[in-house]
Amino acid sequence: MTFLRTVQTVLKRGALVAAANWPVTFIQATADSIFKLLMAVPLIGGIFLVALVVGDEPVTLLTLEWRELAATIFSALLSHPLELALFLLAMAVVTVGGSLFVFLVKGGTVSTLVRGEREATAIEVPPLHWSVVTTASKFSVEAFIEAAQALFPRYAKLGVLLMAVYVLSGAAYLGLVMASRAAGSYYGAPALVTALFVAWITAVNLTYLLVQIVIAADDCGVGAALRRVGVFLRRDRRTVFGVFIVILAMVVLATGASIIATAALGVISFVPFLGPFLGLAVLPLQILAWLLRELVFQYIGLASIGAYVKLYRESADAEGRLKAAPTYPVLGHAST
């Protein structure tokens, strides 16, 4: 089978596994939306705190772009150490608590997709019938909860490791950018450092996703999963990279479509006289567009998980390391 044909087949199977277990798309989208709303609470509180400190209007601050808004909040609070410490503490509490909640939900999500891909028939082979696709449907509330509970300690440990890598990478990035500017380079070196930083974070996120998959597929610890991901990437890096590029292209296209749709709805507010009334009328459409955007991005992400699961299962099977099933309770009696 050619390389392009393999990537196409793997992606098709992953997409069908995600579709067969469609409830996890809604669950994952809800969890991520809750996390974003939680992150917005201390940020909005910081806006009002800055307004009280500097005597500015909160509405004026809300008109700023988010990077400018964050810079304004920190710069305004630097002269008030106590308020800044409380703001950072609130952000830290929400970030850690929200992240742990996401890790908990992700355990059930990945476990469901791993089992669906493992036990599905050849759903990627035509003809496509829903009765065949449903062989990959392994979602149940009880199974999801049990898997989430079983995998949460390891996913939380992995998540803490990821956040530590983020912090260290961000500190190194800022240090290199400041050093390059101090050396008199304001464009070339900072641009190169930024490109390398983006590539590094992308590689870290891909590795993080693959380790999550291996933990759920092999019921192993974080250290063992990291070693097995290394072996997996050395063996099948070309196919993994092909799947990653296609998924990245889909995300870019979906992002572009989302931006165009948001801009099209925003144009209404510029219509003279009718703008406020039409803006109120299209508010449900804006909410619906936001919900659809969340679901589409979550589905693309879950389809990629299904594709990577198939690649890892075949790689592990070729090495004779594939288990019959993970040993955590969910796969012992989950309904189909």
Protein backbone atom coordinates (compact mmCIF):
# COMPACT_ATOMS: atom_id res chain seq x y z
CA MET A 1 0.00 0.00 0.00
CA THR A 2 1.38 3.40 -0.98
CA PHE A 3 2.18 6.07 1.59
CA LEU A 4 -0.71 8.37 0.57
CA ARG A 5 -3.12 5.44 0.50
CA THR A 6 -2.03 4.40 3.99
CA VAL A 7 -2.53 7.92 5.37
CA GLN A 8 -5.95 8.14 3.72
CA THR A 9 -7.06 4.77 5.11
CA VAL A 10 -5.82 5.56 8.61
CA LEU A 11 -7.54 8.95 8.66
CA LYS A 12 -10.77 7.46 7.35
CA ARG A 13 -10.79 4.84 10.08
CA GLY A 14 -10.04 7.46 12.72
CA ALA A 15 -12.85 9.70 11.48
CA LEU A 16 -15.33 6.82 11.50
CA VAL A 17 -14.30 5.72 15.00
CA ALA A 18 -14.84 9.28 16.24
CA ALA A 19 -18.21 9.45 14.47
CA ALA A 20 -19.34 6.12 15.95
CA ASN A 21 -18.52 7.43 19.43
CA TRP A 22 -20.07 10.85 18.80
CA PRO A 23 -21.04 11.54 22.46
CA VAL A 24 -17.38 12.01 23.37
CA THR A 25 -17.21 14.93 20.91
CA PHE A 26 -19.91 16.76 22.87
CA ILE A 27 -18.33 15.83 26.20
CA GLN A 28 -14.88 17.02 25.16
CA ALA A 29 -16.26 20.23 23.63
CA THR A 30 -18.19 20.94 26.83
CA ALA A 31 -15.13 20.32 29.00
CA ASP A 32 -12.94 22.64 26.91
CA SER A 33 -15.65 25.33 26.90
CA ILE A 34 -15.95 25.14 30.68
CA PHE A 35 -12.17 25.48 30.97
CA LYS A 36 -12.19 28.60 28.77
CA LEU A 37 -15.02 30.13 30.80
CA LEU A 38 -13.14 29.41 34.02
CA MET A 39 -10.05 31.12 32.63
CA ALA A 40 -12.16 34.15 31.70
CA VAL A 41 -13.37 34.70 35.28
CA PRO A 42 -10.06 35.90 36.84
CA LEU A 43 -9.21 37.79 33.64
CA ILE A 44 -12.45 39.76 33.82
CA GLY A 45 -11.82 40.27 37.52
CA GLY A 46 -8.37 41.61 36.63
CA ILE A 47 -9.96 44.07 34.21
CA PHE A 48 -12.17 45.53 36.93
CA LEU A 49 -9.26 45.49 39.37
CA VAL A 50 -7.14 47.49 36.93
CA ALA A 51 -10.04 49.86 36.36
CA LEU A 52 -10.20 50.51 40.10
CA VAL A 53 -6.42 50.90 40.40
CA VAL A 54 -5.81 53.21 37.44
CA GLY A 55 -9.22 54.85 37.35
CA ASP A 56 -10.02 53.72 33.80
CA GLU A 57 -13.30 52.41 32.39
CA PRO A 58 -13.64 48.60 32.11
CA VAL A 59 -15.36 49.04 28.73
CA THR A 60 -12.27 50.80 27.40
CA LEU A 61 -10.07 47.91 28.52
CA LEU A 62 -12.37 45.35 26.91
CA THR A 63 -11.84 46.97 23.51
CA LEU A 64 -8.15 46.00 23.60
CA GLU A 65 -6.77 42.96 21.79
CA TRP A 66 -6.11 40.13 24.24
CA ARG A 67 -2.32 40.49 24.14
CA GLU A 68 -2.59 44.22 24.77
CA LEU A 69 -5.16 43.54 27.48
CA ALA A 70 -2.86 41.10 29.31
CA ALA A 71 0.09 43.48 29.01
CA THR A 72 -2.04 46.36 30.32
CA ILE A 73 -3.23 44.34 33.32
CA PHE A 74 0.27 43.23 34.32
CA SER A 75 1.85 46.64 33.77
CA ALA A 76 -0.87 48.36 35.79
CA LEU A 77 -0.58 45.87 38.66
CA LEU A 78 3.22 45.94 38.82
CA SER A 79 3.01 49.08 40.93
CA HIS A 80 0.60 47.29 43.30
CA PRO A 81 2.38 44.06 44.38
CA LEU A 82 -0.42 42.77 46.62
CA GLU A 83 -3.09 43.10 43.92
CA LEU A 84 -0.74 41.52 41.38
CA ALA A 85 -0.01 38.57 43.68
CA LEU A 86 -3.73 37.98 44.25
CA PHE A 87 -4.42 38.17 40.52
CA LEU A 88 -1.65 35.68 39.72
CA LEU A 89 -2.87 33.38 42.50
CA ALA A 90 -6.39 33.44 41.08
CA MET A 91 -5.08 32.66 37.59
CA ALA A 92 -2.94 29.81 38.95
CA VAL A 93 -5.82 28.25 40.91
CA VAL A 94 -8.15 28.38 37.92
CA THR A 95 -5.48 27.09 35.52
CA VAL A 96 -4.54 24.12 37.71
CA GLY A 97 -8.12 23.25 38.67
CA GLY A 98 -9.43 23.59 35.12
CA SER A 99 -6.52 21.59 33.72
CA LEU A 100 -7.14 18.73 36.16
CA PHE A 101 -10.78 18.67 35.10
CA VAL A 102 -9.73 18.48 31.43
CA PHE A 103 -7.26 15.68 32.23
CA LEU A 104 -10.06 13.73 33.94
CA VAL A 105 -12.39 14.02 30.96
CA LYS A 106 -9.61 13.25 28.48
CA GLY A 107 -9.00 9.89 30.14
CA GLY A 108 -12.54 8.75 29.38
CA THR A 109 -12.37 10.18 25.86
CA VAL A 110 -9.12 8.52 24.82
CA SER A 111 -10.09 5.21 26.43
CA THR A 112 -13.38 5.14 24.52
CA LEU A 113 -11.65 5.79 21.20
CA VAL A 114 -8.91 3.24 21.91
CA ARG A 115 -11.42 0.52 22.60
CA GLY A 116 -13.60 1.56 19.64
CA GLU A 117 -10.67 1.35 17.23
CA ARG A 118 -9.41 -1.91 18.73
CA GLU A 119 -12.71 -3.77 18.47
CA ALA A 120 -14.08 -2.27 15.24
CA THR A 121 -14.25 -4.31 12.06
CA ALA A 122 -12.76 -3.05 8.78
CA ILE A 123 -15.02 0.02 8.80
CA GLU A 124 -12.69 1.94 6.47
CA VAL A 125 -13.23 -0.58 3.65
CA PRO A 126 -16.11 0.20 1.23
CA PRO A 127 -19.05 -0.14 1.09
CA LEU A 128 -19.79 2.12 4.02
CA HIS A 129 -22.80 1.01 6.08
CA TRP A 130 -23.83 2.45 9.43
CA SER A 131 -24.36 -1.04 10.82
CA VAL A 132 -20.67 -1.70 10.17
CA VAL A 133 -19.56 1.66 11.59
CA THR A 134 -21.43 0.98 14.82
CA THR A 135 -19.04 -1.89 15.57
CA ALA A 136 -16.68 0.88 16.69
CA SER A 137 -19.28 2.38 19.05
CA LYS A 138 -18.07 1.60 22.58
CA PHE A 139 -19.34 4.62 24.51
CA SER A 140 -21.34 4.27 27.69
CA VAL A 141 -21.60 6.63 30.64
CA GLU A 142 -20.45 4.00 33.13
CA ALA A 143 -17.47 2.96 31.01
CA PHE A 144 -16.47 6.57 30.40
CA ILE A 145 -16.52 7.41 34.12
CA GLU A 146 -14.58 4.30 35.13
CA ALA A 147 -11.90 4.88 32.51
CA ALA A 148 -11.61 8.54 33.48
CA GLN A 149 -11.11 7.58 37.13
CA ALA A 150 -8.60 4.84 36.30
CA LEU A 151 -6.45 6.98 34.00
CA PHE A 152 -6.72 10.29 35.88
CA PRO A 153 -3.63 9.86 38.15
CA ARG A 154 -1.37 9.09 35.18
CA TYR A 155 -2.95 11.78 32.97
CA ALA A 156 -2.59 14.32 35.78
CA LYS A 157 1.10 13.42 36.18
CA LEU A 158 1.59 13.74 32.44
CA GLY A 159 -0.27 17.05 32.43
CA VAL A 160 1.92 18.48 35.18
CA LEU A 161 4.96 17.44 33.16
CA LEU A 162 3.48 19.18 30.11
CA MET A 163 2.85 22.41 32.04
CA ALA A 164 6.42 22.32 33.35
CA VAL A 165 7.71 21.98 29.77
CA TYR A 166 5.49 24.91 28.74
CA VAL A 167 6.84 27.11 31.53
CA LEU A 168 10.49 26.25 30.84
CA SER A 169 10.01 26.64 27.08
CA GLY A 170 8.30 29.98 27.50
CA ALA A 171 11.04 31.24 29.81
CA ALA A 172 13.73 30.11 27.36
CA TYR A 173 11.88 31.75 24.47
CA LEU A 174 11.54 35.09 26.26
CA GLY A 175 15.17 34.95 27.32
CA LEU A 176 16.38 34.31 23.76
CA VAL A 177 14.17 37.05 22.32
CA MET A 178 15.36 39.59 24.90
CA ALA A 179 18.98 38.57 24.34
CA SER A 180 18.65 38.94 20.56
CA ARG A 181 17.09 42.37 20.93
CA ALA A 182 19.79 43.41 23.38
CA ALA A 183 22.32 42.38 20.74
CA GLY A 184 20.65 44.75 18.27
CA SER A 185 18.59 42.25 16.26
CA TYR A 186 14.90 43.20 16.17
CA TYR A 187 13.62 41.15 13.23
CA GLY A 188 15.76 38.27 11.95
CA ALA A 189 16.82 36.53 15.15
CA PRO A 190 13.50 37.03 17.02
CA ALA A 191 11.59 35.71 14.00
CA LEU A 192 13.82 32.63 13.83
CA VAL A 193 13.48 32.04 17.59
CA THR A 194 9.71 32.39 17.32
CA ALA A 195 9.53 29.90 14.45
CA LEU A 196 11.66 27.39 16.38
CA PHE A 197 9.53 27.93 19.48
CA VAL A 198 6.30 27.25 17.56
CA ALA A 199 7.81 24.11 16.01
CA TRP A 200 9.01 22.92 19.43
CA ILE A 201 5.60 23.45 21.08
CA THR A 202 3.92 21.64 18.19
CA ALA A 203 6.25 18.66 18.63
CA VAL A 204 5.63 18.68 22.38
CA ASN A 205 1.85 18.68 21.87
CA LEU A 206 2.05 15.79 19.41
CA THR A 207 4.22 13.79 21.80
CA TYR A 208 1.81 14.57 24.63
CA LEU A 209 -1.13 13.25 22.61
CA LEU A 210 0.72 10.08 21.62
CA VAL A 211 1.73 9.40 25.25
CA GLN A 212 -1.92 9.74 26.28
CA ILE A 213 -2.87 7.19 23.64
CA VAL A 214 -0.18 4.72 24.70
CA ILE A 215 -1.14 5.02 28.38
CA ALA A 216 -4.75 4.16 27.52
CA ALA A 217 -3.87 1.47 24.97
CA ASP A 218 -1.25 -0.40 27.04
CA ASP A 219 -2.41 0.52 30.56
CA CYS A 220 1.14 1.57 31.45
CA GLY A 221 2.79 4.40 33.34
CA VAL A 222 4.04 7.72 32.00
CA GLY A 223 7.69 6.64 31.82
CA ALA A 224 6.95 3.43 29.93
CA ALA A 225 4.60 5.31 27.60
CA LEU A 226 7.31 7.86 26.78
CA ARG A 227 9.74 5.08 25.86
CA ARG A 228 7.16 3.30 23.72
CA VAL A 229 6.27 6.53 21.92
CA GLY A 230 9.95 6.95 21.11
CA VAL A 231 10.06 3.46 19.59
CA PHE A 232 6.79 4.10 17.75
CA LEU A 233 8.03 7.35 16.21
CA ARG A 234 11.31 5.77 15.11
CA ARG A 235 9.41 2.97 13.43
CA ASP A 236 6.52 4.86 11.83
CA ARG A 237 7.59 8.51 11.86
CA ARG A 238 6.81 8.95 8.14
CA THR A 239 3.18 7.86 8.44
CA VAL A 240 2.69 9.72 11.73
CA PHE A 241 4.08 12.87 10.12
CA GLY A 242 1.75 12.41 7.14
CA VAL A 243 -1.30 12.10 9.38
CA PHE A 244 -0.14 15.12 11.39
CA ILE A 245 0.24 17.28 8.26
CA VAL A 246 -3.26 16.39 7.01
CA ILE A 247 -4.80 17.10 10.43
CA LEU A 248 -2.90 20.40 10.64
CA ALA A 249 -4.19 21.40 7.19
CA MET A 250 -7.76 20.59 8.28
CA VAL A 251 -7.35 22.72 11.40
CA VAL A 252 -5.98 25.62 9.35
CA LEU A 253 -8.88 25.39 6.88
CA ALA A 254 -11.43 25.16 9.68
CA THR A 255 -9.85 28.15 11.40
CA GLY A 256 -10.00 30.16 8.18
CA ALA A 257 -13.65 29.25 7.65
CA SER A 258 -14.40 30.23 11.26
CA ILE A 259 -12.72 33.61 10.85
CA ILE A 260 -14.62 34.31 7.62
CA ALA A 261 -17.94 33.34 9.22
CA THR A 262 -17.26 35.50 12.28
CA ALA A 263 -16.29 38.46 10.08
CA ALA A 264 -19.41 38.02 7.95
CA LEU A 265 -21.64 38.12 11.02
CA GLY A 266 -19.71 41.07 12.43
CA VAL A 267 -20.28 43.16 9.28
CA ILE A 268 -23.94 43.43 10.23
CA SER A 269 -23.10 45.68 13.16
CA PHE A 270 -21.76 48.29 10.71
CA VAL A 271 -25.06 48.66 8.85
CA PRO A 272 -26.37 52.19 9.62
CA PHE A 273 -29.50 52.37 11.76
CA LEU A 274 -30.25 48.65 11.35
CA GLY A 275 -26.96 47.51 12.86
CA PRO A 276 -28.09 47.23 16.53
CA PHE A 277 -31.36 45.48 15.63
CA LEU A 278 -29.78 43.08 13.15
CA GLY A 279 -26.91 42.48 15.58
CA LEU A 280 -29.42 41.38 18.21
CA ALA A 281 -31.21 39.22 15.66
CA VAL A 282 -28.04 37.37 14.64
CA LEU A 283 -26.92 36.76 18.23
CA PRO A 284 -28.40 33.22 18.19
CA LEU A 285 -26.53 32.62 14.91
CA GLN A 286 -23.28 33.78 16.50
CA ILE A 287 -23.82 31.42 19.44
CA LEU A 288 -24.66 28.58 17.05
CA ALA A 289 -21.54 29.33 14.99
CA TRP A 290 -19.41 29.24 18.15
CA LEU A 291 -20.92 25.89 19.16
CA LEU A 292 -20.38 24.43 15.70
CA ARG A 293 -16.81 25.69 15.71
CA GLU A 294 -16.13 23.92 19.01
CA LEU A 295 -17.68 20.68 17.78
CA VAL A 296 -15.80 20.73 14.46
CA PHE A 297 -12.43 21.32 16.09
CA GLN A 298 -13.09 18.65 18.70
CA TYR A 299 -14.15 16.15 16.05
CA ILE A 300 -10.98 16.79 14.03
CA GLY A 301 -8.91 16.24 17.17
CA LEU A 302 -10.74 13.02 18.06
CA ALA A 303 -10.43 11.73 14.50
CA SER A 304 -6.68 12.25 14.76
CA ILE A 305 -6.65 10.22 17.98
CA GLY A 306 -8.42 7.37 16.21
CA ALA A 307 -5.87 7.51 13.38
CA TYR A 308 -2.88 7.50 15.72
CA VAL A 309 -4.42 4.63 17.71
CA LYS A 310 -4.58 2.48 14.57
CA LEU A 311 -0.97 3.28 13.68
CA TYR A 312 0.24 2.50 17.19
CA ARG A 313 -1.78 -0.73 17.39
CA GLU A 314 -0.29 -1.99 14.13
CA SER A 315 3.22 -0.97 15.20
CA ALA A 316 2.89 -2.63 18.60
CA ASP A 317 1.36 -5.73 17.03
CA ALA A 318 4.29 -5.96 14.63
CA GLU A 319 6.66 -5.91 17.59
CA GLY A 320 4.62 -8.47 19.53
CA ARG A 321 3.90 -6.02 22.36
CA LEU A 322 0.17 -5.56 21.88
CA LYS A 323 -1.96 -6.67 24.79
CA ALA A 324 -5.36 -8.22 24.35
CA ALA A 325 -6.86 -5.29 26.26
CA PRO A 326 -5.91 -2.82 28.99
CA THR A 327 -6.54 -4.06 32.50
CA TYR A 328 -8.43 -1.10 33.93
CA PRO A 329 -12.10 -1.82 34.72
CA VAL A 330 -13.76 -0.06 31.79
CA LEU A 331 -12.82 -2.65 29.19
CA GLY A 332 -14.00 -5.52 31.28
CA HIS A 333 -17.72 -4.89 30.96
CA ALA A 334 -18.37 -1.75 28.94
CA SER A 335 -21.52 -1.94 26.88
CA THR A 336 -21.40 -1.79 23.12
